[in-house]
Amino acid sequence: MISDNNRVHIIDMGCSNTYSVSKMIQKLRGVPLIVQNSNQLFNAKKIILPGVGSFDNAVSKLREMNIIDTLYNLVIIQKIPILGICLGMQLFADSSEEGHLEGLGYIKGYNKKFNFSDYDRSLKIPHMGWNSIVQKKQNLLFENPNFDTRYYFVHSFHFVPENKKDVAAETHYGYSFPSIVIKKNIFGTQFHPEKSHKYGKQILSNFLNII
């Protein structure tokens, strides 16, 4: 019998990393359930919101799927754990410098484009490749930190939470930016755990084990 704790509903916005996330969940002996409309979120116990692409296109896709109200009920009212990955995490914000549409507003803040004019102008945008993270507070995703851990990033924008208490980890690229945000049952990673080998696998395993 498959327990509810092993079931993970993955919202498919047509992004390229949905399949990679699903395969990693399977490797962890979880059961990925691909969601393309609100009806498929019925009885969800854990949700992953992956994302690659632009902010406004992702918001528009969620609207087309008629899924935003259902997500709000599950995440904000019922307190179902949700993990946002890369753009998926950025969608938790109120807004983004990348577009004009409103985000989901789960965590107060906005998304800012990297600007290195006051730092190192030789740094390239997007931030792409492997980088480490620095834990800012104890959290369920990043337990037993190891200084050798590396995670894969590819992004031009980063989340700026209004409340610094929502920042669970930071990464340095020109300056420090939030790489993990957590607010109660809402978890987000700016990096791609599904592309981060054993270190990312541990992040997803920790999410699966949240009760």
C-alpha atoms as a PDB file:
ATOM      1  CA  MET A   1       0.000   0.000   0.000  1.00  0.00           C
ATOM      2  CA  ILE A   2       1.279   3.472  -0.923  1.00  0.00           C
ATOM      3  CA  SER A   3       1.214   5.914   1.979  1.00  0.00           C
ATOM      4  CA  ASP A   4       0.068   9.502   1.565  1.00  0.00           C
ATOM      5  CA  ASN A   5       3.531  10.589   2.686  1.00  0.00           C
ATOM      6  CA  ASN A   6       5.055   9.066  -0.468  1.00  0.00           C
ATOM      7  CA  ARG A   7       2.643  10.766  -2.851  1.00  0.00           C
ATOM      8  CA  VAL A   8       3.874  14.045  -4.307  1.00  0.00           C
ATOM      9  CA  HIS A   9       1.733  16.170  -6.606  1.00  0.00           C
ATOM     10  CA  ILE A  10       3.963  17.946  -9.137  1.00  0.00           C
ATOM     11  CA  ILE A  11       2.393  20.875 -10.954  1.00  0.00           C
ATOM     12  CA  ASP A  12       3.204  20.710 -14.651  1.00  0.00           C
ATOM     13  CA  MET A  13       3.396  24.211 -16.164  1.00  0.00           C
ATOM     14  CA  GLY A  14       5.035  22.853 -19.301  1.00  0.00           C
ATOM     15  CA  CYS A  15       8.482  23.486 -17.829  1.00  0.00           C
ATOM     16  CA  SER A  16      11.443  21.370 -18.800  1.00  0.00           C
ATOM     17  CA  ASN A  17      12.318  20.295 -15.249  1.00  0.00           C
ATOM     18  CA  THR A  18       8.994  18.608 -14.403  1.00  0.00           C
ATOM     19  CA  TYR A  19      10.224  15.280 -15.773  1.00  0.00           C
ATOM     20  CA  SER A  20      13.564  15.547 -13.924  1.00  0.00           C
ATOM     21  CA  VAL A  21      11.786  16.252 -10.626  1.00  0.00           C
ATOM     22  CA  SER A  22       9.441  13.312 -11.206  1.00  0.00           C
ATOM     23  CA  LYS A  23      12.331  10.915 -11.901  1.00  0.00           C
ATOM     24  CA  MET A  24      14.179  12.016  -8.762  1.00  0.00           C
ATOM     25  CA  ILE A  25      11.042  11.456  -6.649  1.00  0.00           C
ATOM     26  CA  GLN A  26      10.786   7.950  -8.101  1.00  0.00           C
ATOM     27  CA  LYS A  27      14.421   7.259  -7.163  1.00  0.00           C
ATOM     28  CA  LEU A  28      13.485   8.173  -3.606  1.00  0.00           C
ATOM     29  CA  ARG A  29      10.646   5.605  -3.759  1.00  0.00           C
ATOM     30  CA  GLY A  30       8.072   8.338  -3.841  1.00  0.00           C
ATOM     31  CA  VAL A  31       5.059   8.433  -6.135  1.00  0.00           C
ATOM     32  CA  PRO A  32       5.029  11.498  -8.419  1.00  0.00           C
ATOM     33  CA  LEU A  33       1.584  12.578  -9.574  1.00  0.00           C
ATOM     34  CA  ILE A  34       1.681  15.051 -12.458  1.00  0.00           C
ATOM     35  CA  VAL A  35      -0.919  17.811 -12.122  1.00  0.00           C
ATOM     36  CA  GLN A  36      -2.299  19.728 -15.107  1.00  0.00           C
ATOM     37  CA  ASN A  37      -5.580  20.977 -13.647  1.00  0.00           C
ATOM     38  CA  SER A  38      -7.109  21.735 -10.247  1.00  0.00           C
ATOM     39  CA  ASN A  39      -9.111  18.488 -10.099  1.00  0.00           C
ATOM     40  CA  GLN A  40      -5.872  16.488 -10.056  1.00  0.00           C
ATOM     41  CA  LEU A  41      -4.846  18.184  -6.801  1.00  0.00           C
ATOM     42  CA  PHE A  42      -7.617  16.386  -4.934  1.00  0.00           C
ATOM     43  CA  ASN A  43      -6.356  14.913  -1.669  1.00  0.00           C
ATOM     44  CA  ALA A  44      -2.828  16.263  -2.161  1.00  0.00           C
ATOM     45  CA  LYS A  45      -0.571  15.872   0.882  1.00  0.00           C
ATOM     46  CA  LYS A  46       2.638  17.306  -0.595  1.00  0.00           C
ATOM     47  CA  ILE A  47       3.081  19.587  -3.601  1.00  0.00           C
ATOM     48  CA  ILE A  48       6.082  20.548  -5.727  1.00  0.00           C
ATOM     49  CA  LEU A  49       5.958  23.629  -7.953  1.00  0.00           C
ATOM     50  CA  PRO A  50       8.907  23.405 -10.364  1.00  0.00           C
ATOM     51  CA  GLY A  51       9.621  26.167 -12.816  1.00  0.00           C
ATOM     52  CA  VAL A  52      11.868  27.206 -15.682  1.00  0.00           C
ATOM     53  CA  GLY A  53      11.168  30.289 -17.766  1.00  0.00           C
ATOM     54  CA  SER A  54       9.722  33.749 -17.204  1.00  0.00           C
ATOM     55  CA  PHE A  55       7.634  34.950 -14.268  1.00  0.00           C
ATOM     56  CA  ASP A  56       4.636  36.308 -16.210  1.00  0.00           C
ATOM     57  CA  ASN A  57       4.411  33.240 -18.453  1.00  0.00           C
ATOM     58  CA  ALA A  58       4.351  30.985 -15.385  1.00  0.00           C
ATOM     59  CA  VAL A  59       1.642  33.048 -13.665  1.00  0.00           C
ATOM     60  CA  SER A  60      -0.392  33.048 -16.887  1.00  0.00           C
ATOM     61  CA  LYS A  61      -0.043  29.270 -17.148  1.00  0.00           C
ATOM     62  CA  LEU A  62      -1.281  28.788 -13.571  1.00  0.00           C
ATOM     63  CA  ARG A  63      -4.269  30.976 -14.402  1.00  0.00           C
ATOM     64  CA  GLU A  64      -4.991  28.958 -17.548  1.00  0.00           C
ATOM     65  CA  MET A  65      -4.881  25.798 -15.450  1.00  0.00           C
ATOM     66  CA  ASN A  66      -7.457  27.366 -13.083  1.00  0.00           C
ATOM     67  CA  ILE A  67      -5.325  26.168 -10.205  1.00  0.00           C
ATOM     68  CA  ILE A  68      -4.460  29.273  -8.170  1.00  0.00           C
ATOM     69  CA  ASP A  69      -7.513  29.220  -5.870  1.00  0.00           C
ATOM     70  CA  THR A  70      -7.126  25.483  -5.252  1.00  0.00           C
ATOM     71  CA  LEU A  71      -3.446  25.967  -4.412  1.00  0.00           C
ATOM     72  CA  TYR A  72      -4.294  28.781  -1.992  1.00  0.00           C
ATOM     73  CA  ASN A  73      -6.784  26.568  -0.185  1.00  0.00           C
ATOM     74  CA  LEU A  74      -4.321  23.679   0.106  1.00  0.00           C
ATOM     75  CA  VAL A  75      -1.233  25.690   1.026  1.00  0.00           C
ATOM     76  CA  ILE A  76      -2.543  28.627   3.043  1.00  0.00           C
ATOM     77  CA  ILE A  77      -5.740  27.219   4.555  1.00  0.00           C
ATOM     78  CA  GLN A  78      -4.948  23.505   4.934  1.00  0.00           C
ATOM     79  CA  LYS A  79      -1.182  24.038   5.454  1.00  0.00           C
ATOM     80  CA  ILE A  80      -0.128  21.337   2.978  1.00  0.00           C
ATOM     81  CA  PRO A  81       3.693  21.370   2.493  1.00  0.00           C
ATOM     82  CA  ILE A  82       4.750  22.861  -0.829  1.00  0.00           C
ATOM     83  CA  LEU A  83       8.229  23.049  -2.368  1.00  0.00           C
ATOM     84  CA  GLY A  84       8.950  25.650  -5.023  1.00  0.00           C
ATOM     85  CA  ILE A  85      12.002  25.070  -7.218  1.00  0.00           C
ATOM     86  CA  CYS A  86      13.822  27.953  -8.956  1.00  0.00           C
ATOM     87  CA  LEU A  87      11.053  29.924 -10.738  1.00  0.00           C
ATOM     88  CA  GLY A  88       8.577  27.913  -8.662  1.00  0.00           C
ATOM     89  CA  MET A  89      10.039  29.501  -5.532  1.00  0.00           C
ATOM     90  CA  GLN A  90       9.985  32.957  -7.127  1.00  0.00           C
ATOM     91  CA  LEU A  91       6.251  32.539  -7.771  1.00  0.00           C
ATOM     92  CA  PHE A  92       5.721  32.557  -3.984  1.00  0.00           C
ATOM     93  CA  ALA A  93       6.594  36.287  -4.009  1.00  0.00           C
ATOM     94  CA  ASP A  94       4.190  39.199  -4.476  1.00  0.00           C
ATOM     95  CA  SER A  95       5.834  40.425  -7.673  1.00  0.00           C
ATOM     96  CA  SER A  96       8.925  40.322  -9.865  1.00  0.00           C
ATOM     97  CA  GLU A  97      11.087  42.819 -11.714  1.00  0.00           C
ATOM     98  CA  GLU A  98      10.879  40.325 -14.574  1.00  0.00           C
ATOM     99  CA  GLY A  99       7.195  40.989 -15.260  1.00  0.00           C
ATOM    100  CA  HIS A 100       4.015  42.831 -14.370  1.00  0.00           C
ATOM    101  CA  LEU A 101       1.671  40.137 -13.062  1.00  0.00           C
ATOM    102  CA  GLU A 102       1.069  39.418  -9.383  1.00  0.00           C
ATOM    103  CA  GLY A 103       2.712  36.379  -7.851  1.00  0.00           C
ATOM    104  CA  LEU A 104       1.058  33.937  -5.471  1.00  0.00           C
ATOM    105  CA  GLY A 105       1.929  36.106  -2.464  1.00  0.00           C
ATOM    106  CA  TYR A 106       2.654  33.227  -0.077  1.00  0.00           C
ATOM    107  CA  ILE A 107       5.817  34.936   1.222  1.00  0.00           C
ATOM    108  CA  LYS A 108       5.959  38.741   1.272  1.00  0.00           C
ATOM    109  CA  GLY A 109       8.664  40.028  -1.033  1.00  0.00           C
ATOM    110  CA  TYR A 110       9.687  40.443  -4.670  1.00  0.00           C
ATOM    111  CA  ASN A 111      12.120  39.050  -7.222  1.00  0.00           C
ATOM    112  CA  LYS A 112      15.124  41.163  -8.151  1.00  0.00           C
ATOM    113  CA  LYS A 113      17.407  40.871 -11.159  1.00  0.00           C
ATOM    114  CA  PHE A 114      21.102  40.438 -10.416  1.00  0.00           C
ATOM    115  CA  ASN A 115      22.886  43.785 -10.600  1.00  0.00           C
ATOM    116  CA  PHE A 116      26.644  43.772 -10.207  1.00  0.00           C
ATOM    117  CA  SER A 117      27.362  47.435 -10.949  1.00  0.00           C
ATOM    118  CA  ASP A 118      28.545  47.958  -7.373  1.00  0.00           C
ATOM    119  CA  TYR A 119      30.324  44.607  -7.133  1.00  0.00           C
ATOM    120  CA  ASP A 120      32.068  42.694  -9.903  1.00  0.00           C
ATOM    121  CA  ARG A 121      30.962  43.628 -13.409  1.00  0.00           C
ATOM    122  CA  SER A 122      32.787  40.612 -14.814  1.00  0.00           C
ATOM    123  CA  LEU A 123      30.173  38.281 -13.326  1.00  0.00           C
ATOM    124  CA  LYS A 124      27.815  36.861 -15.912  1.00  0.00           C
ATOM    125  CA  ILE A 125      24.031  36.763 -15.850  1.00  0.00           C
ATOM    126  CA  PRO A 126      22.421  34.270 -15.565  1.00  0.00           C
ATOM    127  CA  HIS A 127      24.141  32.801 -12.536  1.00  0.00           C
ATOM    128  CA  MET A 128      24.781  29.315 -13.848  1.00  0.00           C
ATOM    129  CA  GLY A 129      26.620  26.365 -12.367  1.00  0.00           C
ATOM    130  CA  TRP A 130      27.512  24.833  -9.023  1.00  0.00           C
ATOM    131  CA  ASN A 131      27.629  26.832  -5.826  1.00  0.00           C
ATOM    132  CA  SER A 132      27.482  26.294  -2.080  1.00  0.00           C
ATOM    133  CA  ILE A 133      24.897  27.532   0.395  1.00  0.00           C
ATOM    134  CA  VAL A 134      25.241  28.947   3.892  1.00  0.00           C
ATOM    135  CA  GLN A 135      22.598  27.948   6.398  1.00  0.00           C
ATOM    136  CA  LYS A 136      21.028  30.947   8.160  1.00  0.00           C
ATOM    137  CA  LYS A 137      18.689  29.008  10.412  1.00  0.00           C
ATOM    138  CA  GLN A 138      17.980  25.380  11.203  1.00  0.00           C
ATOM    139  CA  ASN A 139      15.440  24.012   8.771  1.00  0.00           C
ATOM    140  CA  LEU A 140      13.896  20.752   7.639  1.00  0.00           C
ATOM    141  CA  LEU A 141      15.287  20.848   4.097  1.00  0.00           C
ATOM    142  CA  PHE A 142      18.921  21.355   4.975  1.00  0.00           C
ATOM    143  CA  GLU A 143      19.651  19.240   8.013  1.00  0.00           C
ATOM    144  CA  ASN A 144      23.177  18.174   8.968  1.00  0.00           C
ATOM    145  CA  PRO A 145      24.915  20.705   6.680  1.00  0.00           C
ATOM    146  CA  ASN A 146      28.131  19.622   5.011  1.00  0.00           C
ATOM    147  CA  PHE A 147      30.595  22.248   3.807  1.00  0.00           C
ATOM    148  CA  ASP A 148      31.330  20.133   0.730  1.00  0.00           C
ATOM    149  CA  THR A 149      27.751  20.319  -0.553  1.00  0.00           C
ATOM    150  CA  ARG A 150      27.140  21.964  -3.917  1.00  0.00           C
ATOM    151  CA  TYR A 151      23.914  22.737  -5.730  1.00  0.00           C
ATOM    152  CA  TYR A 152      23.155  23.583  -9.332  1.00  0.00           C
ATOM    153  CA  PHE A 153      21.859  27.081 -10.127  1.00  0.00           C
ATOM    154  CA  VAL A 154      20.609  28.710 -13.309  1.00  0.00           C
ATOM    155  CA  HIS A 155      18.789  32.025 -12.827  1.00  0.00           C
ATOM    156  CA  SER A 156      18.918  35.758 -13.526  1.00  0.00           C
ATOM    157  CA  PHE A 157      16.533  36.815 -10.740  1.00  0.00           C
ATOM    158  CA  HIS A 158      16.461  36.027  -7.039  1.00  0.00           C
ATOM    159  CA  PHE A 159      13.882  36.311  -4.273  1.00  0.00           C
ATOM    160  CA  VAL A 160      14.087  39.195  -1.777  1.00  0.00           C
ATOM    161  CA  PRO A 161      11.778  38.351   1.159  1.00  0.00           C
ATOM    162  CA  GLU A 162      10.372  41.263   3.155  1.00  0.00           C
ATOM    163  CA  ASN A 163      11.053  39.395   6.392  1.00  0.00           C
ATOM    164  CA  LYS A 164      14.638  38.161   6.750  1.00  0.00           C
ATOM    165  CA  LYS A 165      13.366  35.422   9.072  1.00  0.00           C
ATOM    166  CA  ASP A 166      11.994  33.693   5.969  1.00  0.00           C
ATOM    167  CA  VAL A 167      15.546  33.215   4.621  1.00  0.00           C
ATOM    168  CA  ALA A 168      16.829  29.759   5.612  1.00  0.00           C
ATOM    169  CA  ALA A 169      20.018  29.772   3.524  1.00  0.00           C
ATOM    170  CA  GLU A 170      22.049  32.114   1.346  1.00  0.00           C
ATOM    171  CA  THR A 171      24.469  31.765  -1.560  1.00  0.00           C
ATOM    172  CA  HIS A 172      27.144  34.196  -2.677  1.00  0.00           C
ATOM    173  CA  TYR A 173      27.360  35.321  -6.290  1.00  0.00           C
ATOM    174  CA  GLY A 174      28.659  38.867  -6.365  1.00  0.00           C
ATOM    175  CA  TYR A 175      26.647  39.347  -3.184  1.00  0.00           C
ATOM    176  CA  SER A 176      24.638  37.088  -0.899  1.00  0.00           C
ATOM    177  CA  PHE A 177      21.110  36.206  -1.989  1.00  0.00           C
ATOM    178  CA  PRO A 178      18.478  33.823  -0.530  1.00  0.00           C
ATOM    179  CA  SER A 179      18.889  30.291  -1.873  1.00  0.00           C
ATOM    180  CA  ILE A 180      16.377  28.635   0.494  1.00  0.00           C
ATOM    181  CA  VAL A 181      13.270  30.348   1.844  1.00  0.00           C
ATOM    182  CA  ILE A 182      10.936  28.788   4.380  1.00  0.00           C
ATOM    183  CA  LYS A 183       7.763  30.055   5.976  1.00  0.00           C
ATOM    184  CA  LYS A 184       5.862  27.441   7.967  1.00  0.00           C
ATOM    185  CA  ASN A 185       4.739  24.826   5.403  1.00  0.00           C
ATOM    186  CA  ILE A 186       6.122  26.770   2.438  1.00  0.00           C
ATOM    187  CA  PHE A 187       9.594  25.766   1.210  1.00  0.00           C
ATOM    188  CA  GLY A 188      11.577  27.140  -1.711  1.00  0.00           C
ATOM    189  CA  THR A 189      14.982  26.506  -3.283  1.00  0.00           C
ATOM    190  CA  GLN A 190      16.551  28.833  -5.834  1.00  0.00           C
ATOM    191  CA  PHE A 191      18.789  25.970  -6.976  1.00  0.00           C
ATOM    192  CA  HIS A 192      17.641  22.821  -8.729  1.00  0.00           C
ATOM    193  CA  PRO A 193      17.778  19.860  -6.317  1.00  0.00           C
ATOM    194  CA  GLU A 194      16.722  17.521  -9.119  1.00  0.00           C
ATOM    195  CA  LYS A 195      19.954  18.434 -10.960  1.00  0.00           C
ATOM    196  CA  SER A 196      22.211  18.518  -7.900  1.00  0.00           C
ATOM    197  CA  HIS A 197      23.063  14.808  -7.651  1.00  0.00           C
ATOM    198  CA  LYS A 198      23.280  13.326  -4.144  1.00  0.00           C
ATOM    199  CA  TYR A 199      23.038  16.705  -2.403  1.00  0.00           C
ATOM    200  CA  GLY A 200      19.823  17.628  -4.177  1.00  0.00           C
ATOM    201  CA  LYS A 201      18.524  14.112  -3.660  1.00  0.00           C
ATOM    202  CA  GLN A 202      18.916  14.648   0.089  1.00  0.00           C
ATOM    203  CA  ILE A 203      16.956  17.917  -0.102  1.00  0.00           C
ATOM    204  CA  LEU A 204      14.051  16.179  -1.849  1.00  0.00           C
ATOM    205  CA  SER A 205      14.262  13.247   0.573  1.00  0.00           C
ATOM    206  CA  ASN A 206      13.994  15.650   3.491  1.00  0.00           C
ATOM    207  CA  PHE A 207      10.919  17.217   1.888  1.00  0.00           C
ATOM    208  CA  LEU A 208       9.318  13.805   1.407  1.00  0.00           C
ATOM    209  CA  ASN A 209       9.879  13.029   5.079  1.00  0.00           C
ATOM    210  CA  ILE A 210       8.093  16.142   6.349  1.00  0.00           C
ATOM    211  CA  ILE A 211       4.994  15.117   8.268  1.00  0.00           C
END
